[in-house]
N, C-alpha and C. Protein backbone atom coordinates (compact mmCIF):
# COMPACT_ATOMS: atom_id res chain seq x y z
N MET A 1 107.22 115.20 91.54
CA MET A 1 107.48 113.88 90.79
C MET A 1 106.46 112.99 91.34
N GLU A 2 105.88 112.32 90.48
CA GLU A 2 104.83 111.24 90.88
C GLU A 2 105.38 109.79 90.93
N ILE A 3 105.04 109.21 92.08
CA ILE A 3 105.48 107.86 92.33
C ILE A 3 104.58 106.84 91.73
N LEU A 4 104.95 106.12 90.81
CA LEU A 4 104.06 105.21 89.96
C LEU A 4 103.97 103.77 90.41
N GLN A 5 105.09 103.34 91.04
CA GLN A 5 105.28 101.95 91.38
C GLN A 5 106.18 101.79 92.55
N ARG A 6 106.22 100.59 93.10
CA ARG A 6 107.11 100.28 94.26
C ARG A 6 108.53 100.00 93.79
N SER A 7 109.44 100.52 94.53
CA SER A 7 110.91 100.33 93.97
C SER A 7 111.81 100.19 95.24
N TYR A 8 112.98 99.77 94.97
CA TYR A 8 114.00 99.55 96.04
C TYR A 8 115.34 100.06 95.59
N ALA A 9 116.15 100.53 96.52
CA ALA A 9 117.50 100.80 96.39
C ALA A 9 118.31 100.46 97.61
N GLY A 10 119.55 100.04 97.34
CA GLY A 10 120.46 99.74 98.56
C GLY A 10 120.43 98.27 98.97
N THR A 11 121.15 98.05 100.09
CA THR A 11 121.29 96.67 100.56
C THR A 11 121.12 96.76 102.10
N LEU A 12 121.26 95.57 102.71
CA LEU A 12 121.35 95.44 104.21
C LEU A 12 122.68 95.15 104.66
N GLU A 13 123.66 95.45 103.93
CA GLU A 13 124.96 95.39 104.33
C GLU A 13 125.43 96.49 105.32
N SER A 14 126.41 96.22 106.14
CA SER A 14 126.92 97.20 106.98
C SER A 14 127.25 98.55 106.30
N SER A 15 126.96 99.72 106.86
CA SER A 15 127.23 101.03 106.31
C SER A 15 126.53 101.24 104.96
N ASP A 16 125.32 100.63 104.85
CA ASP A 16 124.40 100.84 103.73
C ASP A 16 123.03 100.98 104.31
N VAL A 17 122.06 101.30 103.30
CA VAL A 17 120.71 101.43 103.74
C VAL A 17 119.91 100.91 102.75
N LEU A 18 118.73 100.20 103.03
CA LEU A 18 117.76 99.68 102.10
C LEU A 18 116.64 100.65 102.16
N VAL A 19 116.22 101.15 100.95
CA VAL A 19 115.08 102.11 100.95
C VAL A 19 114.01 101.50 100.00
N GLU A 20 112.83 101.41 100.53
CA GLU A 20 111.66 100.90 99.76
C GLU A 20 110.80 102.16 99.54
N VAL A 21 110.37 102.40 98.27
CA VAL A 21 109.41 103.47 98.02
C VAL A 21 108.18 102.89 97.35
N SER A 22 107.03 103.56 97.84
CA SER A 22 105.81 103.04 97.17
C SER A 22 104.82 104.26 97.17
N PRO A 23 103.81 104.19 96.15
CA PRO A 23 102.87 105.30 96.13
C PRO A 23 102.11 105.42 97.54
N ALA A 24 101.84 106.71 97.81
CA ALA A 24 101.05 106.94 99.00
C ALA A 24 99.59 106.98 98.65
N SER A 25 98.78 106.53 99.69
CA SER A 25 97.34 106.45 99.41
C SER A 25 96.71 107.90 99.45
N SER A 26 97.44 108.88 100.14
CA SER A 26 96.95 110.24 100.28
C SER A 26 98.10 111.08 99.79
N CYS A 27 97.87 112.41 99.77
CA CYS A 27 98.87 113.31 99.28
C CYS A 27 99.78 113.66 100.57
N SER A 28 100.47 112.79 100.97
CA SER A 28 101.27 112.90 102.16
C SER A 28 102.68 112.15 102.03
N ILE A 29 103.55 112.48 102.93
CA ILE A 29 104.89 111.82 102.97
C ILE A 29 104.89 110.99 104.25
N ASP A 30 105.05 109.70 104.15
CA ASP A 30 105.13 108.76 105.29
C ASP A 30 106.42 108.01 105.25
N VAL A 31 107.13 108.29 106.29
CA VAL A 31 108.59 107.79 106.35
C VAL A 31 108.63 106.90 107.59
N GLU A 32 109.10 105.58 107.40
CA GLU A 32 109.29 104.64 108.56
C GLU A 32 110.74 104.35 108.53
N ILE A 33 111.52 104.59 109.72
CA ILE A 33 112.84 104.39 109.76
C ILE A 33 113.20 103.25 110.80
N ILE A 34 113.96 102.39 110.37
CA ILE A 34 114.46 101.34 111.23
C ILE A 34 116.02 101.45 111.13
N SER A 35 116.62 101.57 112.21
CA SER A 35 118.16 101.83 112.15
C SER A 35 118.81 101.29 113.35
N SER A 36 120.05 100.78 113.07
CA SER A 36 120.85 100.29 114.12
C SER A 36 121.36 101.35 115.05
N VAL A 37 121.29 102.59 114.53
CA VAL A 37 121.76 103.80 115.38
C VAL A 37 120.57 104.87 115.48
N GLU A 38 119.41 104.31 115.50
CA GLU A 38 118.29 105.14 115.54
C GLU A 38 118.10 106.02 116.63
N LYS A 39 118.58 105.63 117.91
CA LYS A 39 118.48 106.51 119.09
C LYS A 39 119.40 107.75 118.89
N GLN A 40 120.51 107.63 118.25
CA GLN A 40 121.43 108.71 118.12
C GLN A 40 121.06 109.54 116.81
N PHE A 41 120.73 108.88 115.81
CA PHE A 41 120.77 109.62 114.45
C PHE A 41 119.35 109.68 113.71
N GLU A 42 118.32 109.20 114.31
CA GLU A 42 117.02 109.16 113.56
C GLU A 42 116.65 110.61 113.16
N PRO A 43 116.76 111.67 113.95
CA PRO A 43 116.44 112.95 113.29
C PRO A 43 117.23 113.47 112.22
N ALA A 44 118.63 113.06 112.19
CA ALA A 44 119.49 113.46 111.11
C ALA A 44 119.18 112.66 109.89
N ILE A 45 118.84 111.37 110.10
CA ILE A 45 118.34 110.44 108.90
C ILE A 45 117.15 111.00 108.33
N ARG A 46 116.14 111.31 109.17
CA ARG A 46 114.89 111.93 108.57
C ARG A 46 115.09 113.18 107.89
N ASN A 47 115.98 114.03 108.37
CA ASN A 47 116.29 115.31 107.67
C ASN A 47 116.85 115.10 106.34
N VAL A 48 117.76 114.19 106.24
CA VAL A 48 118.32 113.93 104.88
C VAL A 48 117.35 113.40 103.94
N ILE A 49 116.39 112.42 104.41
CA ILE A 49 115.37 112.02 103.55
C ILE A 49 114.38 113.09 103.12
N MET A 50 113.98 113.83 104.11
CA MET A 50 113.00 114.95 103.78
C MET A 50 113.53 115.98 102.89
N SER A 51 114.75 116.33 103.04
CA SER A 51 115.47 117.36 102.11
C SER A 51 115.58 116.83 100.69
N THR A 52 115.93 115.57 100.65
CA THR A 52 116.14 114.92 99.33
C THR A 52 114.71 114.85 98.62
N LEU A 53 113.63 114.38 99.30
CA LEU A 53 112.39 114.43 98.69
C LEU A 53 111.88 115.87 98.25
N GLU A 54 112.21 116.87 99.01
CA GLU A 54 111.84 118.32 98.67
C GLU A 54 112.53 118.75 97.43
N GLU A 55 113.91 118.42 97.30
CA GLU A 55 114.70 118.79 96.20
C GLU A 55 114.20 118.02 94.96
N MET A 56 113.60 116.88 94.99
CA MET A 56 113.19 116.14 93.95
C MET A 56 111.74 116.45 93.55
N GLY A 57 110.98 117.18 94.34
CA GLY A 57 109.71 117.61 94.15
C GLY A 57 108.67 116.51 94.37
N VAL A 58 108.93 115.65 95.39
CA VAL A 58 108.04 114.57 95.73
C VAL A 58 107.23 115.07 96.91
N SER A 59 105.88 114.93 96.81
CA SER A 59 104.90 115.43 97.81
C SER A 59 103.98 114.28 98.27
N ALA A 60 104.03 113.22 97.60
CA ALA A 60 103.22 112.02 98.12
C ALA A 60 103.94 110.73 97.92
N VAL A 61 104.35 110.10 99.07
CA VAL A 61 105.15 108.88 98.92
C VAL A 61 105.17 108.14 100.23
N ARG A 62 105.37 106.97 100.20
CA ARG A 62 105.56 106.12 101.45
C ARG A 62 106.95 105.49 101.36
N LEU A 63 107.83 105.71 102.33
CA LEU A 63 109.14 105.21 102.38
C LEU A 63 109.28 104.39 103.57
N SER A 64 110.02 103.22 103.36
CA SER A 64 110.41 102.31 104.48
C SER A 64 111.97 102.37 104.38
N VAL A 65 112.64 102.74 105.41
CA VAL A 65 114.16 102.89 105.43
C VAL A 65 114.78 101.97 106.48
N ASN A 66 115.61 101.00 106.02
CA ASN A 66 116.29 100.17 106.88
C ASN A 66 117.80 100.53 106.90
N ASP A 67 118.19 101.22 107.87
CA ASP A 67 119.64 101.88 107.86
C ASP A 67 120.49 100.83 108.73
N LYS A 68 121.69 100.64 108.19
CA LYS A 68 122.74 99.91 108.75
C LYS A 68 123.93 100.77 109.07
N GLY A 69 123.69 102.01 109.49
CA GLY A 69 124.86 102.97 109.73
C GLY A 69 125.41 103.70 108.55
N ALA A 70 124.52 103.90 107.52
CA ALA A 70 124.95 104.58 106.32
C ALA A 70 125.26 106.11 106.56
N LEU A 71 126.24 106.57 105.75
CA LEU A 71 126.56 108.07 105.84
C LEU A 71 125.48 108.79 105.10
N ASP A 72 125.33 110.09 105.37
CA ASP A 72 124.34 110.96 104.73
C ASP A 72 124.41 110.86 103.26
N CYS A 73 125.57 110.87 102.64
CA CYS A 73 125.66 110.77 101.11
C CYS A 73 125.16 109.55 100.67
N VAL A 74 125.24 108.43 101.33
CA VAL A 74 124.73 107.12 100.93
C VAL A 74 123.22 107.13 101.10
N ILE A 75 122.71 107.62 102.18
CA ILE A 75 121.17 107.75 102.36
C ILE A 75 120.66 108.54 101.24
N ARG A 76 121.19 109.69 100.92
CA ARG A 76 120.74 110.60 99.88
C ARG A 76 120.69 109.88 98.47
N ALA A 77 121.72 109.21 98.15
CA ALA A 77 121.93 108.53 96.85
C ALA A 77 120.89 107.33 96.73
N ARG A 78 120.68 106.68 97.89
CA ARG A 78 119.69 105.50 97.79
C ARG A 78 118.21 106.04 97.66
N VAL A 79 117.98 107.08 98.43
CA VAL A 79 116.60 107.71 98.24
C VAL A 79 116.38 108.18 96.81
N GLN A 80 117.32 108.86 96.21
CA GLN A 80 117.31 109.40 94.93
C GLN A 80 117.06 108.27 93.91
N ALA A 81 117.86 107.20 94.03
CA ALA A 81 117.69 105.96 93.05
C ALA A 81 116.38 105.39 93.15
N ALA A 82 115.85 105.15 94.44
CA ALA A 82 114.60 104.47 94.61
C ALA A 82 113.42 105.41 94.09
N ILE A 83 113.55 106.64 94.26
CA ILE A 83 112.52 107.69 93.77
C ILE A 83 112.43 107.62 92.18
N MET A 84 113.65 107.69 91.62
CA MET A 84 113.78 107.74 90.11
C MET A 84 113.18 106.42 89.55
N ARG A 85 113.52 105.24 90.25
CA ARG A 85 112.93 103.97 89.71
C ARG A 85 111.42 103.93 89.94
N ALA A 86 110.98 104.43 91.03
CA ALA A 86 109.53 104.40 91.34
C ALA A 86 108.83 105.42 90.29
N ALA A 87 109.38 106.52 89.92
CA ALA A 87 108.77 107.35 88.95
C ALA A 87 108.97 106.80 87.48
N LYS A 88 109.59 105.79 87.26
CA LYS A 88 109.87 105.21 85.93
C LYS A 88 110.59 106.26 85.12
N GLY A 89 111.44 106.98 85.74
CA GLY A 89 112.30 107.96 84.89
C GLY A 89 111.49 109.25 84.51
N ASN A 90 110.22 109.27 84.76
CA ASN A 90 109.35 110.48 84.39
C ASN A 90 109.80 111.63 85.12
N HIS A 91 109.92 112.76 84.52
CA HIS A 91 110.31 114.05 85.19
C HIS A 91 111.82 114.13 85.61
N CYS A 92 112.62 113.03 85.42
CA CYS A 92 113.95 113.08 85.90
C CYS A 92 114.72 114.09 85.11
N HIS A 93 114.30 114.39 83.84
CA HIS A 93 115.02 115.34 82.98
C HIS A 93 114.85 116.76 83.54
N GLN A 94 113.86 116.92 84.46
CA GLN A 94 113.57 118.30 85.00
C GLN A 94 114.48 118.55 86.28
N LEU A 95 115.15 117.54 86.73
CA LEU A 95 115.89 117.70 87.93
C LEU A 95 117.16 118.51 87.71
N VAL A 96 117.46 119.35 88.62
CA VAL A 96 118.68 120.18 88.65
C VAL A 96 119.85 119.38 89.19
N TRP A 97 120.54 118.69 88.28
CA TRP A 97 121.54 117.65 88.81
C TRP A 97 122.71 118.33 89.55
N GLY A 98 122.94 119.56 89.16
CA GLY A 98 123.96 120.30 90.06
C GLY A 98 123.67 120.50 91.46
N ALA A 99 122.26 120.62 91.85
CA ALA A 99 121.80 120.77 93.05
C ALA A 99 121.73 119.46 93.86
N ILE A 100 121.61 118.38 93.12
CA ILE A 100 121.52 117.08 93.68
C ILE A 100 122.93 116.58 94.08
């Protein structure tokens, strides 16, 4: 899935996460994580993000994630929403919704 524009999903409220997605300058995935629970859960947060990107077929993107203690399901949903907005809905019909 190609990232066409900058987009956002989520909030900075407690137990939520704000995800900013923008096109990458190269064919790489760059993830910046800021979290109130970073020392404990940064690897788990990164794992959820990377698996979501893989499931959606994203290979070039820049993500900035500001986590306020969100659960994995919230992180996954926010990343999915931001990616779909950034792709302007292109290729969303190809997603296997049962797998998501």
